[in-house]
Amino acid sequence: ILDLGEYLARKPKALSGGQRQRVAMGRAIVREPQ
């Protein structure tokens, strides 16, 4: 969904600010909260 497939094995320091924010979004999405 977030177009992060190719970055899953990387550490946060190897990502841009926008990519890190998408990871933070992904962490919220996987929890499938209300």
Full PDB file with SEQRES, HELIX, SHEET, SSBOND, CRYST1, ORIGX, SCALE, CONECT and MASTER records, all heavy atoms in Angstrom:
SEQRES   1 A   34  ILE LEU ASP LEU GLY GLU TYR LEU ALA ARG LYS PRO LYS          
SEQRES   2 A   34  ALA LEU SER GLY GLY GLN ARG GLN ARG VAL ALA MET GLY          
SEQRES   3 A   34  ARG ALA ILE VAL ARG GLU PRO GLN                              
HELIX    1 AA1 GLY A    5  TYR A    7  5                                   3    
HELIX    2 AA2 PRO A   12  ALA A   14  5                                   3    
HELIX    3 AA3 GLY A   17  ILE A   29  1                                  13    
CRYST1    1.000    1.000    1.000  90.00  90.00  90.00 P 1           1          
ORIGX1      1.000000  0.000000  0.000000        0.00000                         
ORIGX2      0.000000  1.000000  0.000000        0.00000                         
ORIGX3      0.000000  0.000000  1.000000        0.00000                         
SCALE1      1.000000  0.000000  0.000000        0.00000                         
SCALE2      0.000000  1.000000  0.000000        0.00000                         
SCALE3      0.000000  0.000000  1.000000        0.00000                         
ATOM      1  N   ILE A   1       0.836  -1.209   0.000  1.00  0.00           N  
ATOM      2  CA  ILE A   1       0.000   0.000   0.000  1.00  0.00           C  
ATOM      3  C   ILE A   1       0.867   1.253   0.000  1.00  0.00           C  
ATOM      4  O   ILE A   1       0.586   2.234  -0.690  1.00  0.00           O  
ATOM      5  CB  ILE A   1      -0.937   0.001   1.238  1.00  0.00           C  
ATOM      6  CG1 ILE A   1      -2.022  -1.069   1.102  1.00  0.00           C  
ATOM      7  CG2 ILE A   1      -1.601   1.367   1.416  1.00  0.00           C  
ATOM      8  CD1 ILE A   1      -2.826  -1.300   2.376  1.00  0.00           C  
ATOM      9  N   LEU A   2       1.952   1.219   0.773  1.00  0.00           N  
ATOM     10  CA  LEU A   2       2.797   2.400   0.972  1.00  0.00           C  
ATOM     11  C   LEU A   2       4.014   2.451   0.058  1.00  0.00           C  
ATOM     12  O   LEU A   2       4.861   3.334   0.196  1.00  0.00           O  
ATOM     13  CB  LEU A   2       3.266   2.447   2.434  1.00  0.00           C  
ATOM     14  CG  LEU A   2       2.154   2.677   3.462  1.00  0.00           C  
ATOM     15  CD1 LEU A   2       2.626   2.294   4.849  1.00  0.00           C  
ATOM     16  CD2 LEU A   2       1.699   4.121   3.443  1.00  0.00           C  
ATOM     17  N   ASP A   3       4.098   1.472  -0.856  1.00  0.00           N  
ATOM     18  CA  ASP A   3       5.216   1.421  -1.800  1.00  0.00           C  
ATOM     19  C   ASP A   3       6.564   1.331  -1.056  1.00  0.00           C  
ATOM     20  O   ASP A   3       7.515   2.047  -1.364  1.00  0.00           O  
ATOM     21  CB  ASP A   3       5.187   2.661  -2.712  1.00  0.00           C  
ATOM     22  CG  ASP A   3       5.991   2.452  -3.997  1.00  0.00           C  
ATOM     23  OD1 ASP A   3       6.246   1.274  -4.327  1.00  0.00           O  
ATOM     24  OD2 ASP A   3       6.369   3.449  -4.629  1.00  0.00           O  
ATOM     25  N   LEU A   4       6.596   0.421  -0.067  1.00  0.00           N  
ATOM     26  CA  LEU A   4       7.809   0.243   0.739  1.00  0.00           C  
ATOM     27  C   LEU A   4       8.435  -1.139   0.567  1.00  0.00           C  
ATOM     28  O   LEU A   4       9.370  -1.480   1.286  1.00  0.00           O  
ATOM     29  CB  LEU A   4       7.486   0.458   2.235  1.00  0.00           C  
ATOM     30  CG  LEU A   4       7.207   1.895   2.691  1.00  0.00           C  
ATOM     31  CD1 LEU A   4       6.674   1.910   4.121  1.00  0.00           C  
ATOM     32  CD2 LEU A   4       8.460   2.755   2.593  1.00  0.00           C  
ATOM     33  N   GLY A   5       7.908  -1.930  -0.370  1.00  0.00           N  
ATOM     34  CA  GLY A   5       8.351  -3.315  -0.528  1.00  0.00           C  
ATOM     35  C   GLY A   5       9.859  -3.480  -0.635  1.00  0.00           C  
ATOM     36  O   GLY A   5      10.444  -4.354   0.013  1.00  0.00           O  
ATOM     37  N   GLU A   6      10.515  -2.631  -1.404  1.00  0.00           N  
ATOM     38  CA  GLU A   6      11.958  -2.793  -1.629  1.00  0.00           C  
ATOM     39  C   GLU A   6      12.803  -2.304  -0.451  1.00  0.00           C  
ATOM     40  O   GLU A   6      14.026  -2.475  -0.429  1.00  0.00           O  
ATOM     41  CB  GLU A   6      12.385  -2.050  -2.903  1.00  0.00           C  
ATOM     42  CG  GLU A   6      12.178  -0.541  -2.849  1.00  0.00           C  
ATOM     43  CD  GLU A   6      12.488   0.134  -4.175  1.00  0.00           C  
ATOM     44  OE1 GLU A   6      13.682   0.252  -4.498  1.00  0.00           O  
ATOM     45  OE2 GLU A   6      11.524   0.534  -4.868  1.00  0.00           O  
ATOM     46  N   TYR A   7      12.164  -1.694   0.565  1.00  0.00           N  
ATOM     47  CA  TYR A   7      12.921  -1.137   1.695  1.00  0.00           C  
ATOM     48  C   TYR A   7      12.788  -1.969   2.973  1.00  0.00           C  
ATOM     49  O   TYR A   7      13.358  -1.596   4.004  1.00  0.00           O  
ATOM     50  CB  TYR A   7      12.456   0.296   1.995  1.00  0.00           C  
ATOM     51  CG  TYR A   7      12.528   1.217   0.801  1.00  0.00           C  
ATOM     52  CD1 TYR A   7      11.373   1.677   0.178  1.00  0.00           C  
ATOM     53  CD2 TYR A   7      13.761   1.624   0.291  1.00  0.00           C  
ATOM     54  CE1 TYR A   7      11.435   2.510  -0.928  1.00  0.00           C  
ATOM     55  CE2 TYR A   7      13.829   2.461  -0.814  1.00  0.00           C  
ATOM     56  CZ  TYR A   7      12.667   2.902  -1.426  1.00  0.00           C  
ATOM     57  OH  TYR A   7      12.735   3.731  -2.510  1.00  0.00           O  
ATOM     58  N   LEU A   8      12.053  -3.071   2.929  1.00  0.00           N  
ATOM     59  CA  LEU A   8      11.741  -3.810   4.156  1.00  0.00           C  
ATOM     60  C   LEU A   8      12.982  -4.302   4.900  1.00  0.00           C  
ATOM     61  O   LEU A   8      12.963  -4.433   6.126  1.00  0.00           O  
ATOM     62  CB  LEU A   8      10.814  -4.996   3.844  1.00  0.00           C  
ATOM     63  CG  LEU A   8       9.355  -4.624   3.515  1.00  0.00           C  
ATOM     64  CD1 LEU A   8       8.557  -5.850   3.086  1.00  0.00           C  
ATOM     65  CD2 LEU A   8       8.690  -3.952   4.708  1.00  0.00           C  
ATOM     66  N   ALA A   9      14.058  -4.579   4.176  1.00  0.00           N  
ATOM     67  CA  ALA A   9      15.266  -5.107   4.829  1.00  0.00           C  
ATOM     68  C   ALA A   9      16.236  -3.998   5.253  1.00  0.00           C  
ATOM     69  O   ALA A   9      17.271  -4.270   5.865  1.00  0.00           O  
ATOM     70  CB  ALA A   9      15.975  -6.086   3.893  1.00  0.00           C  
ATOM     71  N   ARG A  10      15.899  -2.737   4.941  1.00  0.00           N  
ATOM     72  CA  ARG A  10      16.805  -1.636   5.284  1.00  0.00           C  
ATOM     73  C   ARG A  10      16.545  -1.125   6.701  1.00  0.00           C  
ATOM     74  O   ARG A  10      15.461  -1.285   7.249  1.00  0.00           O  
ATOM     75  CB  ARG A  10      16.632  -0.477   4.298  1.00  0.00           C  
ATOM     76  CG  ARG A  10      17.054  -0.830   2.892  1.00  0.00           C  
ATOM     77  CD  ARG A  10      17.100   0.418   2.033  1.00  0.00           C  
ATOM     78  NE  ARG A  10      17.221   0.077   0.614  1.00  0.00           N  
ATOM     79  CZ  ARG A  10      17.277   0.975  -0.358  1.00  0.00           C  
ATOM     80  NH1 ARG A  10      17.229   2.255  -0.080  1.00  0.00           N  
ATOM     81  NH2 ARG A  10      17.386   0.589  -1.618  1.00  0.00           N  
ATOM     82  N   LYS A  11      17.556  -0.431   7.246  1.00  0.00           N  
ATOM     83  CA  LYS A  11      17.412   0.231   8.544  1.00  0.00           C  
ATOM     84  C   LYS A  11      16.912   1.665   8.305  1.00  0.00           C  
ATOM     85  O   LYS A  11      17.158   2.245   7.241  1.00  0.00           O  
ATOM     86  CB  LYS A  11      18.764   0.272   9.271  1.00  0.00           C  
ATOM     87  CG  LYS A  11      19.369  -1.103   9.582  1.00  0.00           C  
ATOM     88  CD  LYS A  11      18.763  -1.676  10.844  1.00  0.00           C  
ATOM     89  CE  LYS A  11      19.289  -3.068  11.151  1.00  0.00           C  
ATOM     90  NZ  LYS A  11      20.711  -3.095  11.528  1.00  0.00           N  
ATOM     91  N   PRO A  12      16.236   2.265   9.280  1.00  0.00           N  
ATOM     92  CA  PRO A  12      15.694   3.623   9.105  1.00  0.00           C  
ATOM     93  C   PRO A  12      16.716   4.659   8.647  1.00  0.00           C  
ATOM     94  O   PRO A  12      16.385   5.569   7.885  1.00  0.00           O  
ATOM     95  CB  PRO A  12      15.160   3.958  10.502  1.00  0.00           C  
ATOM     96  CG  PRO A  12      14.808   2.640  11.085  1.00  0.00           C  
ATOM     97  CD  PRO A  12      15.834   1.678  10.568  1.00  0.00           C  
ATOM     98  N   LYS A  13      17.990   4.540   9.089  1.00  0.00           N  
ATOM     99  CA  LYS A  13      18.990   5.561   8.733  1.00  0.00           C  
ATOM    100  C   LYS A  13      19.269   5.592   7.232  1.00  0.00           C  
ATOM    101  O   LYS A  13      19.776   6.597   6.718  1.00  0.00           O  
ATOM    102  CB  LYS A  13      20.290   5.322   9.503  1.00  0.00           C  
ATOM    103  CG  LYS A  13      21.046   4.061   9.117  1.00  0.00           C  
ATOM    104  CD  LYS A  13      22.339   3.921   9.908  1.00  0.00           C  
ATOM    105  CE  LYS A  13      23.083   2.653   9.476  1.00  0.00           C  
ATOM    106  NZ  LYS A  13      24.294   2.428  10.278  1.00  0.00           N  
ATOM    107  N   ALA A  14      18.909   4.511   6.507  1.00  0.00           N  
ATOM    108  CA  ALA A  14      19.134   4.460   5.058  1.00  0.00           C  
ATOM    109  C   ALA A  14      17.956   5.038   4.268  1.00  0.00           C  
ATOM    110  O   ALA A  14      17.945   4.993   3.037  1.00  0.00           O  
ATOM    111  CB  ALA A  14      19.376   3.013   4.622  1.00  0.00           C  
ATOM    112  N   LEU A  15      16.958   5.583   4.989  1.00  0.00           N  
ATOM    113  CA  LEU A  15      15.751   6.100   4.328  1.00  0.00           C  
ATOM    114  C   LEU A  15      15.697   7.619   4.398  1.00  0.00           C  
ATOM    115  O   LEU A  15      16.273   8.234   5.296  1.00  0.00           O  
ATOM    116  CB  LEU A  15      14.497   5.536   5.015  1.00  0.00           C  
ATOM    117  CG  LEU A  15      14.358   4.014   5.123  1.00  0.00           C  
ATOM    118  CD1 LEU A  15      13.061   3.674   5.824  1.00  0.00           C  
ATOM    119  CD2 LEU A  15      14.416   3.359   3.759  1.00  0.00           C  
ATOM    120  N   SER A  16      14.957   8.208   3.463  1.00  0.00           N  
ATOM    121  CA  SER A  16      14.704   9.657   3.496  1.00  0.00           C  
ATOM    122  C   SER A  16      13.614   9.938   4.543  1.00  0.00           C  
ATOM    123  O   SER A  16      12.949   9.017   5.033  1.00  0.00           O  
ATOM    124  CB  SER A  16      14.217  10.132   2.129  1.00  0.00           C  
ATOM    125  OG  SER A  16      12.920   9.595   1.866  1.00  0.00           O  
ATOM    126  N   GLY A  17      13.413  11.231   4.841  1.00  0.00           N  
ATOM    127  CA  GLY A  17      12.380  11.610   5.801  1.00  0.00           C  
ATOM    128  C   GLY A  17      10.994  11.141   5.390  1.00  0.00           C  
ATOM    129  O   GLY A  17      10.214  10.644   6.203  1.00  0.00           O  
ATOM    130  N   GLY A  18      10.685  11.275   4.104  1.00  0.00           N  
ATOM    131  CA  GLY A  18       9.366  10.857   3.613  1.00  0.00           C  
ATOM    132  C   GLY A  18       9.169   9.351   3.732  1.00  0.00           C  
ATOM    133  O   GLY A  18       8.086   8.874   4.075  1.00  0.00           O  
ATOM    134  N   GLN A  19      10.237   8.593   3.454  1.00  0.00           N  
ATOM    135  CA  GLN A  19      10.146   7.130   3.564  1.00  0.00           C  
ATOM    136  C   GLN A  19       9.985   6.714   5.022  1.00  0.00           C  
ATOM    137  O   GLN A  19       9.209   5.814   5.333  1.00  0.00           O  
ATOM    138  CB  GLN A  19      11.402   6.495   2.953  1.00  0.00           C  
ATOM    139  CG  GLN A  19      11.449   6.598   1.437  1.00  0.00           C  
ATOM    140  CD  GLN A  19      12.843   6.346   0.873  1.00  0.00           C  
ATOM    141  OE1 GLN A  19      13.842   6.401   1.592  1.00  0.00           O  
ATOM    142  NE2 GLN A  19      12.907   6.074  -0.424  1.00  0.00           N  
ATOM    143  N   ARG A  20      10.695   7.376   5.928  1.00  0.00           N  
ATOM    144  CA  ARG A  20      10.551   7.060   7.351  1.00  0.00           C  
ATOM    145  C   ARG A  20       9.127   7.331   7.831  1.00  0.00           C  
ATOM    146  O   ARG A  20       8.581   6.573   8.627  1.00  0.00           O  
ATOM    147  CB  ARG A  20      11.538   7.905   8.184  1.00  0.00           C  
ATOM    148  CG  ARG A  20      12.972   7.465   8.043  1.00  0.00           C  
ATOM    149  CD  ARG A  20      13.881   8.328   8.900  1.00  0.00           C  
ATOM    150  NE  ARG A  20      15.246   8.289   8.390  1.00  0.00           N  
ATOM    151  CZ  ARG A  20      16.245   8.994   8.872  1.00  0.00           C  
ATOM    152  NH1 ARG A  20      16.037   9.826   9.885  1.00  0.00           N  
ATOM    153  NH2 ARG A  20      17.457   8.897   8.368  1.00  0.00           N  
ATOM    154  N   GLN A  21       8.549   8.427   7.319  1.00  0.00           N  
ATOM    155  CA  GLN A  21       7.178   8.728   7.720  1.00  0.00           C  
ATOM    156  C   GLN A  21       6.219   7.659   7.204  1.00  0.00           C  
ATOM    157  O   GLN A  21       5.261   7.295   7.879  1.00  0.00           O  
ATOM    158  CB  GLN A  21       6.767  10.119   7.215  1.00  0.00           C  
ATOM    159  CG  GLN A  21       5.470  10.639   7.809  1.00  0.00           C  
ATOM    160  CD  GLN A  21       5.460  10.631   9.317  1.00  0.00           C  
ATOM    161  OE1 GLN A  21       5.109   9.618   9.943  1.00  0.00           O  
ATOM    162  NE2 GLN A  21       5.853  11.722   9.929  1.00  0.00           N  
ATOM    163  N   ARG A  22       6.491   7.130   6.020  1.00  0.00           N  
ATOM    164  CA  ARG A  22       5.646   6.045   5.484  1.00  0.00           C  
ATOM    165  C   ARG A  22       5.801   4.775   6.320  1.00  0.00           C  
ATOM    166  O   ARG A  22       4.840   4.026   6.488  1.00  0.00           O  
ATOM    167  CB  ARG A  22       5.986   5.784   4.010  1.00  0.00           C  
ATOM    168  CG  ARG A  22       5.726   6.984   3.109  1.00  0.00           C  
ATOM    169  CD  ARG A  22       5.250   6.627   1.725  1.00  0.00           C  
ATOM    170  NE  ARG A  22       6.090   5.718   1.003  1.00  0.00           N  
ATOM    171  CZ  ARG A  22       7.115   6.059   0.233  1.00  0.00           C  
ATOM    172  NH1 ARG A  22       7.457   7.335   0.129  1.00  0.00           N  
ATOM    173  NH2 ARG A  22       7.805   5.154  -0.425  1.00  0.00           N  
ATOM    174  N   VAL A  23       7.015   4.528   6.841  1.00  0.00           N  
ATOM    175  CA  VAL A  23       7.212   3.369   7.728  1.00  0.00           C  
ATOM    176  C   VAL A  23       6.380   3.547   9.002  1.00  0.00           C  
ATOM    177  O   VAL A  23       5.730   2.609   9.478  1.00  0.00           O  
ATOM    178  CB  VAL A  23       8.706   3.186   8.086  1.00  0.00           C  
ATOM    179  CG1 VAL A  23       8.879   2.048   9.097  1.00  0.00           C  
ATOM    180  CG2 VAL A  23       9.528   2.903   6.829  1.00  0.00           C  
ATOM    181  N   ALA A  24       6.398   4.778   9.541  1.00  0.00           N  
ATOM    182  CA  ALA A  24       5.594   5.059  10.733  1.00  0.00           C  
ATOM    183  C   ALA A  24       4.110   4.840  10.438  1.00  0.00           C  
ATOM    184  O   ALA A  24       3.367   4.311  11.281  1.00  0.00           O  
ATOM    185  CB  ALA A  24       5.844   6.493  11.203  1.00  0.00           C  
ATOM    186  N   MET A  25       3.670   5.226   9.243  1.00  0.00           N  
ATOM    187  CA  MET A  25       2.286   4.969   8.824  1.00  0.00           C  
ATOM    188  C   MET A  25       2.032   3.469   8.733  1.00  0.00           C  
ATOM    189  O   MET A  25       0.997   2.965   9.173  1.00  0.00           O  
ATOM    190  CB  MET A  25       2.033   5.599   7.443  1.00  0.00           C  
ATOM    191  CG  MET A  25       1.977   7.103   7.433  1.00  0.00           C  
ATOM    192  SD  MET A  25       0.468   7.745   8.142  1.00  0.00           S  
ATOM    193  CE  MET A  25      -0.746   6.974   7.083  1.00  0.00           C  
ATOM    194  N   GLY A  26       3.005   2.747   8.155  1.00  0.00           N  
ATOM    195  CA  GLY A  26       2.869   1.290   8.002  1.00  0.00           C  
ATOM    196  C   GLY A  26       2.736   0.600   9.337  1.00  0.00           C  
ATOM    197  O   GLY A  26       1.944  -0.347   9.492  1.00  0.00           O  
ATOM    198  N   ARG A  27       3.492   1.072  10.319  1.00  0.00           N  
ATOM    199  CA  ARG A  27       3.418   0.490  11.662  1.00  0.00           C  
ATOM    200  C   ARG A  27       2.011   0.650  12.249  1.00  0.00           C  
ATOM    201  O   ARG A  27       1.523  -0.216  12.977  1.00  0.00           O  
ATOM    202  CB  ARG A  27       4.451   1.185  12.558  1.00  0.00           C  
ATOM    203  CG  ARG A  27       4.631   0.551  13.911  1.00  0.00           C  
ATOM    204  CD  ARG A  27       5.726   1.241  14.674  1.00  0.00           C  
ATOM    205  NE  ARG A  27       5.559   2.690  14.643  1.00  0.00           N  
ATOM    206  CZ  ARG A  27       6.503   3.554  14.985  1.00  0.00           C  
ATOM    207  NH1 ARG A  27       7.689   3.112  15.337  1.00  0.00           N  
ATOM    208  NH2 ARG A  27       6.282   4.846  14.949  1.00  0.00           N  
ATOM    209  N   ALA A  28       1.365   1.774  11.924  1.00  0.00           N  
ATOM    210  CA  ALA A  28      -0.008   1.985  12.395  1.00  0.00           C  
ATOM    211  C   ALA A  28      -1.000   1.111  11.621  1.00  0.00           C  
ATOM    212  O   ALA A  28      -1.905   0.510  12.196  1.00  0.00           O  
ATOM    213  CB  ALA A  28      -0.381   3.467  12.244  1.00  0.00           C  
ATOM    214  N   ILE A  29      -0.802   1.016  10.298  1.00  0.00           N  
ATOM    215  CA  ILE A  29      -1.735   0.265   9.445  1.00  0.00           C  
ATOM    216  C   ILE A  29      -1.777  -1.214   9.805  1.00  0.00           C  
ATOM    217  O   ILE A  29      -2.852  -1.820   9.849  1.00  0.00           O  
ATOM    218  CB  ILE A  29      -1.351   0.441   7.954  1.00  0.00           C  
ATOM    219  CG1 ILE A  29      -1.627   1.869   7.499  1.00  0.00           C  
ATOM    220  CG2 ILE A  29      -2.097  -0.546   7.065  1.00  0.00           C  
ATOM    221  CD1 ILE A  29      -1.011   2.205   6.157  1.00  0.00           C  
ATOM    222  N   VAL A  30      -0.610  -1.837  10.075  1.00  0.00           N  
ATOM    223  CA  VAL A  30      -0.582  -3.288  10.323  1.00  0.00           C  
ATOM    224  C   VAL A  30      -1.384  -3.669  11.556  1.00  0.00           C  
ATOM    225  O   VAL A  30      -1.845  -4.799  11.678  1.00  0.00           O  
ATOM    226  CB  VAL A  30       0.864  -3.835  10.465  1.00  0.00           C  
ATOM    227  CG1 VAL A  30       1.647  -3.645   9.183  1.00  0.00           C  
ATOM    228  CG2 VAL A  30       1.591  -3.218  11.654  1.00  0.00           C  
ATOM    229  N   ARG A  31      -1.576  -2.714  12.451  1.00  0.00           N  
ATOM    230  CA  ARG A  31      -2.325  -3.026  13.670  1.00  0.00           C  
ATOM    231  C   ARG A  31      -3.828  -3.087  13.420  1.00  0.00           C  
ATOM    232  O   ARG A  31      -4.586  -3.550  14.267  1.00  0.00           O  
ATOM    233  CB  ARG A  31      -2.002  -1.993  14.751  1.00  0.00           C  
ATOM    234  CG  ARG A  31      -0.540  -2.113  15.206  1.00  0.00           C  
ATOM    235  CD  ARG A  31      -0.164  -1.036  16.189  1.00  0.00           C  
ATOM    236  NE  ARG A  31      -1.029  -1.062  17.364  1.00  0.00           N  
ATOM    237  CZ  ARG A  31      -1.028  -0.115  18.297  1.00  0.00           C  
ATOM    238  NH1 ARG A  31      -0.202   0.919  18.175  1.00  0.00           N  
ATOM    239  NH2 ARG A  31      -1.828  -0.191  19.337  1.00  0.00           N  
ATOM    240  N   GLU A  32      -4.261  -2.595  12.248  1.00  0.00           N  
ATOM    241  CA  GLU A  32      -5.680  -2.596  11.867  1.00  0.00           C  
ATOM    242  C   GLU A  32      -6.563  -2.082  13.006  1.00  0.00           C  
ATOM    243  O   GLU A  32      -7.500  -2.755  13.455  1.00  0.00           O  
ATOM    244  CB  GLU A  32      -6.108  -4.011  11.438  1.00  0.00           C  
ATOM    245  CG  GLU A  32      -5.341  -4.499  10.213  1.00  0.00           C  
ATOM    246  CD  GLU A  32      -5.680  -5.938   9.812  1.00  0.00           C  
ATOM    247  OE1 GLU A  32      -6.460  -6.599  10.535  1.00  0.00           O  
ATOM    248  OE2 GLU A  32      -5.153  -6.384   8.779  1.00  0.00           O  
ATOM    249  N   PRO A  33      -6.259  -0.863  13.502  1.00  0.00           N  
ATOM    250  CA  PRO A  33      -7.006  -0.316  14.649  1.00  0.00           C  
ATOM    251  C   PRO A  33      -8.357   0.247  14.230  1.00  0.00           C  
ATOM    252  O   PRO A  33      -8.640   0.403  13.034  1.00  0.00           O  
ATOM    253  CB  PRO A  33      -6.089   0.810  15.125  1.00  0.00           C  
ATOM    254  CG  PRO A  33      -5.490   1.318  13.846  1.00  0.00           C  
ATOM    255  CD  PRO A  33      -5.295   0.093  12.973  1.00  0.00           C  
ATOM    256  N   GLN A  34      -9.169   0.587  15.242  1.00  0.00           N  
ATOM    257  CA  GLN A  34     -10.433   1.271  14.957  1.00  0.00           C  
ATOM    258  C   GLN A  34     -10.189   2.730  14.600  1.00  0.00           C  
ATOM    259  O   GLN A  34     -10.953   3.318  13.840  1.00  0.00           O  
ATOM    260  CB  GLN A  34     -11.344   1.203  16.188  1.00  0.00           C  
ATOM    261  CG  GLN A  34     -12.243  -0.024  16.232  1.00  0.00           C  
ATOM    262  CD  GLN A  34     -13.315   0.159  17.282  1.00  0.00           C  
ATOM    263  OE1 GLN A  34     -13.066   0.008  18.466  1.00  0.00           O  
ATOM    264  NE2 GLN A  34     -14.511   0.498  16.855  1.00  0.00           N  
TER     265      GLN A  34                                                      
MASTER        0    0    0    3    0    0    0    6  264    1    0    3          
END                                                                             
